[in-house]
């Protein structure tokens, strides 16, 4: 099998919106190159900025004719330095730095040389101890806590081991400390309410440490929507748990079980833990997510050099390909599309790389076809049906699978089996179509449920032929439920040849 530039991209591409891409024209071009989910980072901007961005996403989605999911990324308790007198401050190895509970800008005492720094979360001083590491700016500046004082104001005295330039609002990490920071800040609560009111399709929760953090966000959304918790554990907005803390690795199964999906957030994960562990942890998180039947996103610095350069490094392309070979459902771009000079070419390179990796998997019969262990254990009818379809796709060399769905539940089970062909998901609910945009291999298409069941195959043929997704005579599988349009009734799979060439 040779490389086919026109073959569909099964792995979903997530792009972060920012100054470089927050206009309809640019975003339409990014969608044409393969973007199916757009992330709005609530760490940067105001509510009115996010509302304008969401409007751009919806307009670009309509212009491109593709359902595009909007992912709101909550900040979480990100701990940062406050301001810095003079703008920046150079730290050298051996310098002593005092982190204080006082809300002060960083400054150096001209007589003693001691640097005093205020933080956005002064409670870290209660949780940290002498001997713990303290890292600033994603670990670029490294310190060791040598003393802790409870005198007012309480403080931590650190010795700089790796120096660098300290500037305002740089992040602080304490990888050895068990911090008691809340999983949701007041800003997060406000952003979550805004996301529900404006119809965001997913929410990402930062700095998750345990399953209870996910449940807290679910409860907040239920309170906001004045609804009772779903008996099946589903959230009013699907929640993506970001795995970036050591505690999250220890509680991984519970977190994944509670969330609707997970993100391998390699930025803070590589700061909080030994950097050499991150590639192995990525594989572990992906495998665990698959066992639970939950989508998994790989994020951070995937094509980082394209913020300034028109093409990526060979190492970055290998990184994207290996994430897909590991089994990622989606790969995410951050600064590359938010502030980079080449947002559209960046998506193009990611799409080309995804096609190559997917075709390698299929050509060498390396694609995982076993259903998720969690789905097997439940013995649900849609899970069994989905696994049967995955076998039939291989045996028939089917061009695609067509599914009629009311809520996306059956499509979710089908996606979990990671078919080698697209799943064309037909639905008449715009919100469901957008949520399916994150699912591996799924092509959501708006279509009204036929009033006459006999029109199901004719409608499927028309859509496939009009869009060029199949030719007459191609074998496809059609999955649906009886009665049609009712949630949870997917119970039938039919072998069909496009254009009714071989109907018996």
Protein backbone atom coordinates (compact mmCIF):
# COMPACT_ATOMS: atom_id res chain seq x y z
CA UNK A 1 0.00 0.00 0.00
CA UNK A 2 1.48 3.34 -1.08
CA UNK A 3 1.04 6.62 0.74
CA UNK A 4 -2.24 8.31 -0.20
CA UNK A 5 -2.39 12.07 0.39
CA UNK A 6 -6.18 11.99 0.00
CA UNK A 7 -6.88 9.32 2.60
CA UNK A 8 -8.82 10.50 5.66
CA UNK A 9 -6.97 11.41 8.84
CA UNK A 10 -8.32 9.18 11.61
CA UNK A 11 -6.34 10.78 14.45
CA UNK A 12 -7.96 14.03 15.48
CA UNK A 13 -5.98 17.30 15.40
CA UNK A 14 -6.61 19.87 18.13
CA UNK A 15 -5.43 23.45 17.57
CA UNK A 16 -5.22 26.22 20.15
CA UNK A 17 -6.77 29.52 19.15
CA UNK A 18 -4.82 32.72 19.73
CA UNK A 19 -3.71 35.94 18.05
CA UNK A 20 -2.18 34.02 15.14
CA UNK A 21 -5.35 32.11 14.29
CA UNK A 22 -8.37 33.83 15.87
CA UNK A 23 -9.93 34.89 12.58
CA UNK A 24 -12.40 32.99 10.44
CA UNK A 25 -10.28 32.89 7.29
CA UNK A 26 -7.23 31.35 8.97
CA UNK A 27 -9.26 28.90 11.00
CA UNK A 28 -11.15 27.70 7.90
CA UNK A 29 -7.80 26.90 6.26
CA UNK A 30 -6.72 25.04 9.39
CA UNK A 31 -9.95 23.03 9.32
CA UNK A 32 -9.31 22.18 5.67
CA UNK A 33 -5.89 20.85 6.72
CA UNK A 34 -7.44 18.59 9.37
CA UNK A 35 -8.30 20.48 12.59
CA UNK A 36 -11.43 19.05 14.20
CA UNK A 37 -11.22 20.44 17.75
CA UNK A 38 -10.28 24.00 18.71
CA UNK A 39 -8.93 24.78 22.18
CA UNK A 40 -9.48 28.05 24.01
CA UNK A 41 -7.00 28.47 26.85
CA UNK A 42 -8.76 30.20 29.74
CA UNK A 43 -5.35 31.11 31.20
CA UNK A 44 -4.97 33.96 28.73
CA UNK A 45 -7.63 36.59 28.28
CA UNK A 46 -10.97 37.74 29.61
CA UNK A 47 -14.47 36.28 29.31
CA UNK A 48 -15.30 38.65 26.47
CA UNK A 49 -12.16 37.47 24.61
CA UNK A 50 -13.26 33.85 24.94
CA UNK A 51 -16.73 34.74 23.67
CA UNK A 52 -15.23 36.34 20.56
CA UNK A 53 -13.06 33.26 20.01
CA UNK A 54 -16.04 30.93 20.29
CA UNK A 55 -17.87 33.01 17.71
CA UNK A 56 -14.89 32.62 15.34
CA UNK A 57 -14.96 28.83 15.86
CA UNK A 58 -18.68 28.57 15.10
CA UNK A 59 -18.44 30.82 12.01
CA UNK A 60 -15.41 28.92 10.68
CA UNK A 61 -17.18 25.61 11.29
CA UNK A 62 -20.18 26.77 9.26
CA UNK A 63 -17.97 28.16 6.49
CA UNK A 64 -15.95 24.94 6.24
CA UNK A 65 -19.01 22.69 6.50
CA UNK A 66 -17.46 20.63 9.31
CA UNK A 67 -18.69 20.13 12.89
CA UNK A 68 -15.88 21.53 15.05
CA UNK A 69 -15.73 20.96 18.81
CA UNK A 70 -14.80 23.83 21.15
CA UNK A 71 -12.57 22.75 24.05
CA UNK A 72 -12.30 25.14 27.00
CA UNK A 73 -9.12 24.61 29.02
CA UNK A 74 -9.49 25.61 32.69
CA UNK A 75 -6.40 27.14 34.34
CA UNK A 76 -6.44 25.22 37.59
CA UNK A 77 -4.32 26.34 40.56
CA UNK A 78 -1.30 27.41 38.52
CA UNK A 79 1.18 28.91 40.96
CA UNK A 80 3.10 31.89 39.62
CA UNK A 81 5.55 34.52 40.74
CA UNK A 82 4.14 38.02 41.13
CA UNK A 83 5.77 41.01 39.47
CA UNK A 84 9.49 41.74 39.23
CA UNK A 85 10.93 45.16 39.99
CA UNK A 86 12.63 46.46 36.87
CA UNK A 87 10.93 43.84 34.66
CA UNK A 88 13.50 41.02 35.00
CA UNK A 89 16.00 39.76 37.54
CA UNK A 90 19.06 37.58 36.89
CA UNK A 91 19.56 34.64 39.25
CA UNK A 92 22.93 32.91 39.55
CA UNK A 93 23.82 29.54 41.12
CA UNK A 94 24.34 30.06 44.84
CA UNK A 95 21.94 33.01 45.10
CA UNK A 96 19.49 32.85 47.97
CA UNK A 97 15.82 33.46 47.22
CA UNK A 98 13.12 33.99 49.84
CA UNK A 99 9.56 33.08 48.82
CA UNK A 100 7.26 35.01 51.14
CA UNK A 101 3.57 35.10 51.94
CA UNK A 102 3.70 38.86 51.45
CA UNK A 103 2.19 39.92 48.08
CA UNK A 104 5.36 41.68 46.92
CA UNK A 105 7.12 42.07 43.60
CA UNK A 106 10.44 40.27 43.32
CA UNK A 107 13.45 42.39 44.23
CA UNK A 108 17.05 41.96 45.34
CA UNK A 109 18.34 43.54 48.55
CA UNK A 110 21.33 45.67 47.45
CA UNK A 111 23.19 45.01 50.71
CA UNK A 112 22.62 41.29 51.38
CA UNK A 113 21.89 40.13 47.82
CA UNK A 114 18.84 38.22 49.09
CA UNK A 115 16.05 38.02 46.50
CA UNK A 116 12.47 38.19 47.85
CA UNK A 117 9.62 36.81 45.72
CA UNK A 118 5.82 36.92 46.23
CA UNK A 119 3.50 34.30 44.70
CA UNK A 120 -0.09 33.96 43.55
CA UNK A 121 -0.59 31.08 46.00
CA UNK A 122 1.26 31.87 49.25
CA UNK A 123 -0.08 28.68 50.86
CA UNK A 124 2.77 26.77 49.16
CA UNK A 125 4.89 27.89 52.10
CA UNK A 126 2.73 25.80 54.44
CA UNK A 127 3.03 22.67 52.29
CA UNK A 128 6.73 22.73 51.29
CA UNK A 129 9.62 21.62 53.50
CA UNK A 130 13.37 22.02 53.61
CA UNK A 131 15.01 19.60 51.19
CA UNK A 132 12.21 19.91 48.60
CA UNK A 133 12.92 21.20 45.10
CA UNK A 134 11.37 24.44 43.84
CA UNK A 135 11.35 25.04 40.08
CA UNK A 136 10.51 28.23 38.18
CA UNK A 137 9.64 28.76 34.49
CA UNK A 138 9.05 25.07 33.65
CA UNK A 139 12.25 24.07 35.42
CA UNK A 140 14.54 26.52 33.61
CA UNK A 141 15.42 27.95 37.05
CA UNK A 142 16.00 25.33 39.74
CA UNK A 143 16.29 25.79 43.50
CA UNK A 144 16.53 23.73 46.68
CA UNK A 145 14.62 24.78 49.79
CA UNK A 146 17.16 25.11 52.60
CA UNK A 147 15.05 26.69 55.34
CA UNK A 148 11.43 27.29 56.32
CA UNK A 149 10.35 30.06 58.67
CA UNK A 150 6.98 30.33 60.38
CA UNK A 151 7.69 33.89 61.54
CA UNK A 152 5.35 36.51 60.09
CA UNK A 153 5.41 36.66 57.18
CA UNK A 154 6.13 32.93 56.75
CA UNK A 155 8.72 32.18 54.10
CA UNK A 156 10.87 29.59 52.33
CA UNK A 157 14.55 30.25 51.78
CA UNK A 158 15.99 28.59 48.69
CA UNK A 159 19.42 28.20 47.17
CA UNK A 160 19.63 28.53 43.38
CA UNK A 161 21.20 25.47 41.74
CA UNK A 162 20.48 26.41 38.11
CA UNK A 163 20.17 30.12 37.37
CA UNK A 164 18.28 32.10 34.76
CA UNK A 165 16.19 35.17 34.10
CA UNK A 166 13.25 35.68 36.46
CA UNK A 167 10.40 37.63 34.87
CA UNK A 168 6.83 38.31 36.03
CA UNK A 169 4.17 35.60 36.26
CA UNK A 170 6.51 32.66 35.67
CA UNK A 171 5.12 29.35 36.90
CA UNK A 172 6.33 27.64 40.07
CA UNK A 173 6.49 23.86 40.54
CA UNK A 174 7.21 21.94 43.75
CA UNK A 175 7.55 18.32 42.56
CA UNK A 176 8.42 16.96 46.02
CA UNK A 177 5.62 18.73 47.91
CA UNK A 178 2.05 17.55 48.43
CA UNK A 179 0.25 20.83 47.83
CA UNK A 180 -3.23 21.47 49.18
CA UNK A 181 -4.21 23.84 46.39
CA UNK A 182 -7.87 23.49 45.37
CA UNK A 183 -8.53 21.77 42.05
CA UNK A 184 -10.83 24.62 41.01
CA UNK A 185 -10.09 28.30 41.52
CA UNK A 186 -12.75 31.01 41.53
CA UNK A 187 -11.68 31.90 37.99
CA UNK A 188 -12.17 28.26 36.95
CA UNK A 189 -15.67 28.28 38.41
CA UNK A 190 -16.54 31.41 36.48
CA UNK A 191 -15.10 30.00 33.25
CA UNK A 192 -16.93 26.68 33.70
CA UNK A 193 -20.25 28.50 34.08
CA UNK A 194 -19.48 30.58 31.00
CA UNK A 195 -18.55 27.43 29.03
CA UNK A 196 -21.88 25.80 29.82
CA UNK A 197 -23.93 28.89 29.01
CA UNK A 198 -22.20 29.33 25.65
CA UNK A 199 -22.34 25.68 24.60
CA UNK A 200 -18.70 24.59 24.79
CA UNK A 201 -18.35 20.95 23.81
CA UNK A 202 -15.56 19.89 26.20
CA UNK A 203 -13.83 21.20 29.33
CA UNK A 204 -10.23 20.32 30.20
CA UNK A 205 -9.41 20.23 33.92
CA UNK A 206 -5.83 21.15 34.84
CA UNK A 207 -3.63 19.76 37.62
CA UNK A 208 -5.88 16.79 38.38
CA UNK A 209 -4.54 14.78 41.31
CA UNK A 210 -7.40 12.37 42.07
CA UNK A 211 -10.79 11.28 40.76
CA UNK A 212 -12.50 13.53 43.29
CA UNK A 213 -11.14 16.56 41.41
CA UNK A 214 -13.10 15.48 38.33
CA UNK A 215 -16.19 14.78 40.43
CA UNK A 216 -15.95 18.28 41.93
CA UNK A 217 -16.15 19.83 38.47
CA UNK A 218 -19.09 17.57 37.58
CA UNK A 219 -20.90 18.72 40.73
CA UNK A 220 -20.17 22.35 39.91
CA UNK A 221 -21.65 21.93 36.43
CA UNK A 222 -24.70 20.11 37.81
CA UNK A 223 -25.24 22.94 40.31
CA UNK A 224 -24.90 25.49 37.53
CA UNK A 225 -27.31 23.65 35.25
CA UNK A 226 -29.67 22.79 38.12
CA UNK A 227 -29.57 19.12 37.14
CA UNK A 228 -28.98 15.99 39.20
CA UNK A 229 -25.79 13.96 38.70
CA UNK A 230 -26.16 11.48 35.87
CA UNK A 231 -26.55 7.89 37.17
CA UNK A 232 -23.97 6.77 34.58
CA UNK A 233 -21.48 9.38 35.75
CA UNK A 234 -21.68 11.58 32.66
CA UNK A 235 -21.03 15.29 33.02
CA UNK A 236 -23.20 18.12 31.60
CA UNK A 237 -20.07 19.00 29.59
CA UNK A 238 -17.64 16.12 28.88
CA UNK A 239 -14.49 16.55 30.99
CA UNK A 240 -10.93 15.93 29.79
CA UNK A 241 -8.61 15.29 32.75
CA UNK A 242 -5.10 16.64 32.19
CA UNK A 243 -2.47 14.26 33.53
CA UNK A 244 0.45 16.44 34.63
CA UNK A 245 1.00 15.73 38.34
CA UNK A 246 2.80 12.84 40.11
CA UNK A 247 -0.33 12.19 42.20
CA UNK A 248 -2.34 11.71 38.97
CA UNK A 249 -0.08 8.86 37.88
CA UNK A 250 -0.72 7.09 41.19
CA UNK A 251 -4.51 7.56 40.84
CA UNK A 252 -4.66 7.08 37.06
CA UNK A 253 -7.35 4.38 36.85
CA UNK A 254 -9.77 6.27 39.06
CA UNK A 255 -9.23 9.54 37.22
CA UNK A 256 -9.76 7.98 33.80
CA UNK A 257 -12.83 6.13 35.01
CA UNK A 258 -14.34 9.39 36.29
CA UNK A 259 -13.42 11.58 33.30
CA UNK A 260 -14.71 11.48 29.73
CA UNK A 261 -11.17 11.57 28.31
CA UNK A 262 -7.59 12.36 29.31
CA UNK A 263 -4.75 14.53 28.08
CA UNK A 264 -1.08 13.65 28.40
CA UNK A 265 0.02 17.18 29.36
CA UNK A 266 3.74 16.65 28.91
CA UNK A 267 4.74 20.20 29.86
CA UNK A 268 4.14 20.11 33.60
CA UNK A 269 4.49 16.32 33.63
CA UNK A 270 8.10 16.73 32.46
CA UNK A 271 8.73 19.35 35.14
CA UNK A 272 7.08 17.54 38.03
CA UNK A 273 8.69 14.18 37.20
CA UNK A 274 11.99 12.96 35.79
CA UNK A 275 11.94 14.06 32.15
CA UNK A 276 13.26 10.67 31.05
CA UNK A 277 10.08 9.04 32.42
CA UNK A 278 7.70 11.05 30.24
CA UNK A 279 7.87 8.87 27.06
CA UNK A 280 7.14 5.75 29.12
CA UNK A 281 4.37 7.47 31.06
CA UNK A 282 2.84 8.59 27.75
CA UNK A 283 2.56 4.96 26.66
CA UNK A 284 1.20 3.93 30.05
CA UNK A 285 -1.48 6.64 30.08
CA UNK A 286 -2.54 5.84 26.51
CA UNK A 287 -2.84 2.12 27.25
CA UNK A 288 -4.80 2.72 30.46
CA UNK A 289 -7.16 5.12 28.67
CA UNK A 290 -7.75 2.53 25.95
CA UNK A 291 -8.55 -0.12 28.55
CA UNK A 292 -11.22 2.21 29.91
CA UNK A 293 -12.49 3.09 26.44
CA UNK A 294 -11.73 6.80 26.86
CA UNK A 295 -10.15 9.10 24.23
CA UNK A 296 -6.60 10.26 24.97
CA UNK A 297 -4.90 13.42 23.73
CA UNK A 298 -1.13 13.89 23.54
CA UNK A 299 -0.10 17.52 23.98
CA UNK A 300 2.79 19.98 24.47
CA UNK A 301 5.67 20.95 22.17
CA UNK A 302 4.65 18.58 19.37
CA UNK A 303 5.81 20.95 16.60
CA UNK A 304 7.21 23.67 18.87
CA UNK A 305 9.87 24.92 16.44
CA UNK A 306 7.14 25.93 13.98
CA UNK A 307 6.27 28.85 16.24
CA UNK A 308 9.14 30.58 14.39
CA UNK A 309 10.07 28.25 11.53
CA UNK A 310 8.20 27.23 8.39
CA UNK A 311 9.01 23.54 8.84
CA UNK A 312 9.39 21.26 11.87
CA UNK A 313 12.45 19.39 13.05
CA UNK A 314 12.84 15.71 12.27
CA UNK A 315 12.61 14.94 15.98
CA UNK A 316 9.25 16.73 16.23
CA UNK A 317 7.80 14.81 13.28
CA UNK A 318 9.00 11.58 14.89
CA UNK A 319 7.35 12.65 18.15
CA UNK A 320 3.97 13.18 16.46
CA UNK A 321 4.25 9.87 14.59
CA UNK A 322 5.23 7.95 17.72
CA UNK A 323 2.29 9.40 19.66
CA UNK A 324 -0.01 8.05 16.94
CA UNK A 325 1.81 4.71 16.85
CA UNK A 326 1.35 4.58 20.64
CA UNK A 327 -2.41 4.91 20.05
CA UNK A 328 -3.24 8.57 20.66
CA UNK A 329 -6.79 9.47 19.65
CA UNK A 330 -5.78 13.10 19.15
CA UNK A 331 -2.65 15.25 19.02
CA UNK A 332 -2.69 18.87 20.13
CA UNK A 333 -1.00 22.06 18.99
CA UNK A 334 -0.57 24.88 21.52
CA UNK A 335 1.66 27.89 20.88
CA UNK A 336 2.25 26.66 17.33
CA UNK A 337 -1.22 27.78 16.27
CA UNK A 338 -1.97 30.31 19.03
CA UNK A 339 1.00 32.64 18.55
CA UNK A 340 3.13 30.97 15.88
CA UNK A 341 4.01 32.48 12.52
CA UNK A 342 2.81 29.45 10.51
CA UNK A 343 -0.45 28.09 11.96
CA UNK A 344 -1.77 26.61 8.70
CA UNK A 345 1.49 24.89 7.61
CA UNK A 346 1.82 23.52 11.15
CA UNK A 347 -1.54 21.76 10.88
CA UNK A 348 -0.58 20.55 7.39
CA UNK A 349 2.61 18.89 8.69
CA UNK A 350 0.72 17.27 11.56
CA UNK A 351 -1.92 15.93 9.16
CA UNK A 352 0.68 14.51 6.75
CA UNK A 353 2.50 12.85 9.62
CA UNK A 354 -0.73 11.35 10.95
CA UNK A 355 -1.60 9.86 7.55
CA UNK A 356 1.84 8.28 7.24
CA UNK A 357 1.70 6.78 10.71
CA UNK A 358 -1.86 5.46 10.26
CA UNK A 359 -1.04 3.90 6.90
CA UNK A 360 2.05 2.25 8.41
CA UNK A 361 -0.11 0.74 11.14
CA UNK A 362 -2.59 -0.61 8.63
CA UNK A 363 -0.01 -1.83 6.11
CA UNK A 364 1.87 -3.78 8.76
CA UNK A 365 -1.29 -5.02 10.54
CA UNK A 366 -0.17 -3.31 13.74
CA UNK A 367 -3.43 -1.59 14.58
CA UNK A 368 -5.02 -2.67 17.85
CA UNK A 369 -8.37 -4.38 17.17
CA UNK A 370 -9.18 -5.75 20.61
CA UNK A 371 -12.03 -3.90 22.31
CA UNK A 372 -11.30 -1.98 25.52
CA UNK A 373 -11.14 -4.30 28.56
CA UNK A 374 -13.65 -2.12 30.41
CA UNK A 375 -16.13 -2.42 27.53
CA UNK A 376 -15.67 -6.19 27.43
CA UNK A 377 -16.40 -6.44 31.14
CA UNK A 378 -19.65 -4.48 30.87
CA UNK A 379 -21.05 -6.86 28.23
CA UNK A 380 -23.06 -3.98 26.77
CA UNK A 381 -24.74 -4.71 23.46
CA UNK A 382 -23.21 -1.70 21.63
CA UNK A 383 -19.70 -2.75 22.76
CA UNK A 384 -20.14 -6.29 21.45
CA UNK A 385 -21.64 -4.97 18.20
CA UNK A 386 -18.71 -2.57 17.77
CA UNK A 387 -16.16 -5.35 18.21
CA UNK A 388 -18.00 -7.48 15.65
CA UNK A 389 -17.93 -4.60 13.18
CA UNK A 390 -14.16 -4.23 13.62
CA UNK A 391 -13.70 -7.85 12.52
CA UNK A 392 -16.13 -7.48 9.60
CA UNK A 393 -14.29 -4.37 8.38
CA UNK A 394 -11.11 -6.40 8.05
CA UNK A 395 -12.77 -9.41 6.42
CA UNK A 396 -14.75 -7.38 3.87
CA UNK A 397 -12.12 -4.65 3.28
CA UNK A 398 -14.98 -2.25 3.91
CA UNK A 399 -14.57 1.34 2.74
CA UNK A 400 -16.19 2.77 5.85
CA UNK A 401 -18.77 2.23 8.56
CA UNK A 402 -21.96 4.30 8.49
CA UNK A 403 -23.81 4.79 11.77
CA UNK A 404 -27.07 6.51 12.54
CA UNK A 405 -26.95 7.88 16.06
CA UNK A 406 -29.13 9.97 18.35
CA UNK A 407 -26.67 10.67 21.20
CA UNK A 408 -23.30 9.44 19.91
CA UNK A 409 -23.12 6.56 22.40
CA UNK A 410 -22.90 3.78 19.84
CA UNK A 411 -20.38 5.78 17.82
CA UNK A 412 -18.23 6.18 20.92
CA UNK A 413 -18.10 2.40 21.36
CA UNK A 414 -17.26 1.98 17.68
CA UNK A 415 -14.45 4.54 17.91
CA UNK A 416 -12.94 2.73 20.91
CA UNK A 417 -12.21 -0.26 18.67
CA UNK A 418 -9.91 1.95 16.53
CA UNK A 419 -11.11 0.79 13.12
CA UNK A 420 -8.82 1.16 10.13
CA UNK A 421 -11.55 2.99 8.20
CA UNK A 422 -13.64 6.10 8.90
CA UNK A 423 -16.87 5.93 10.88
CA UNK A 424 -19.40 8.18 9.15
CA UNK A 425 -21.69 9.23 12.00
CA UNK A 426 -25.06 10.59 10.84
CA UNK A 427 -27.00 12.66 13.35
CA UNK A 428 -29.37 15.61 13.41
CA UNK A 429 -28.22 17.11 16.76
CA UNK A 430 -25.51 19.79 16.25
CA UNK A 431 -24.14 19.42 19.81
CA UNK A 432 -23.76 15.65 19.38
CA UNK A 433 -22.03 16.14 16.02
CA UNK A 434 -19.51 18.52 17.59
CA UNK A 435 -18.74 16.18 20.49
CA UNK A 436 -18.13 13.32 18.05
CA UNK A 437 -15.49 15.48 16.33
CA UNK A 438 -12.97 14.43 19.01
CA UNK A 439 -13.59 10.68 18.59
CA UNK A 440 -10.92 8.72 16.74
CA UNK A 441 -11.85 7.92 13.15
CA UNK A 442 -15.30 9.56 13.30
CA UNK A 443 -16.61 11.79 10.50
CA UNK A 444 -19.72 13.52 11.87
CA UNK A 445 -22.30 14.50 9.25
CA UNK A 446 -25.62 16.27 9.73
CA UNK A 447 -28.49 14.15 8.41
CA UNK A 448 -32.12 13.94 9.41
CA UNK A 449 -33.32 10.52 10.47
CA UNK A 450 -35.31 9.04 7.54
CA UNK A 451 -39.02 8.77 8.21
CA UNK A 452 -39.06 5.51 6.27
CA UNK A 453 -36.44 2.91 7.35
CA UNK A 454 -36.23 1.80 3.73
CA UNK A 455 -34.54 5.10 2.92
CA UNK A 456 -31.62 4.49 5.30
CA UNK A 457 -29.34 2.88 2.71
CA UNK A 458 -30.30 5.34 -0.02
CA UNK A 459 -29.48 8.27 2.27
CA UNK A 460 -26.12 6.73 3.21
CA UNK A 461 -25.28 6.15 -0.47
CA UNK A 462 -26.15 9.72 -1.38
CA UNK A 463 -23.93 11.20 1.34
CA UNK A 464 -20.94 8.97 0.53
CA UNK A 465 -21.15 9.53 -3.23
CA UNK A 466 -21.71 13.28 -3.01
CA UNK A 467 -18.70 13.75 -0.72
CA UNK A 468 -16.45 11.40 -2.67
CA UNK A 469 -15.95 9.12 0.33
CA UNK A 470 -16.89 5.95 -1.58
CA UNK A 471 -17.49 4.72 -5.12
CA UNK A 472 -20.36 2.66 -6.46
CA UNK A 473 -19.88 -0.96 -5.56
CA UNK A 474 -17.68 -0.30 -2.52
CA UNK A 475 -18.54 -2.50 0.47
CA UNK A 476 -19.62 -0.63 3.60
CA UNK A 477 -21.15 -1.57 6.92
CA UNK A 478 -24.27 0.20 8.16
CA UNK A 479 -25.03 0.14 11.89
CA UNK A 480 -28.30 1.42 13.33
CA UNK A 481 -30.99 0.72 15.90
CA UNK A 482 -34.66 -0.11 15.81
CA UNK A 483 -36.59 2.02 16.39
CA UNK A 484 -34.40 4.67 14.78
CA UNK A 485 -33.75 7.96 16.55
CA UNK A 486 -34.03 6.46 20.05
CA UNK A 487 -31.02 6.66 22.35
CA UNK A 488 -29.36 3.34 23.20
CA UNK A 489 -30.98 1.11 20.58
CA UNK A 490 -28.03 0.37 18.23
CA UNK A 491 -28.59 -3.33 17.60
CA UNK A 492 -28.15 -4.05 13.89
CA UNK A 493 -25.28 -4.14 11.40
CA UNK A 494 -25.81 -4.61 7.67
CA UNK A 495 -23.38 -5.34 4.83
CA UNK A 496 -24.14 -3.04 1.92
CA UNK A 497 -22.57 -2.13 -1.41
CA UNK A 498 -22.74 1.53 -2.32
CA UNK A 499 -25.25 2.20 -5.08
CA UNK A 500 -27.08 -1.04 -4.30
CA UNK A 501 -24.94 -2.91 -6.80
CA UNK A 502 -25.02 -6.21 -4.91
CA UNK A 503 -28.21 -5.96 -2.86
CA UNK A 504 -29.82 -9.37 -2.39
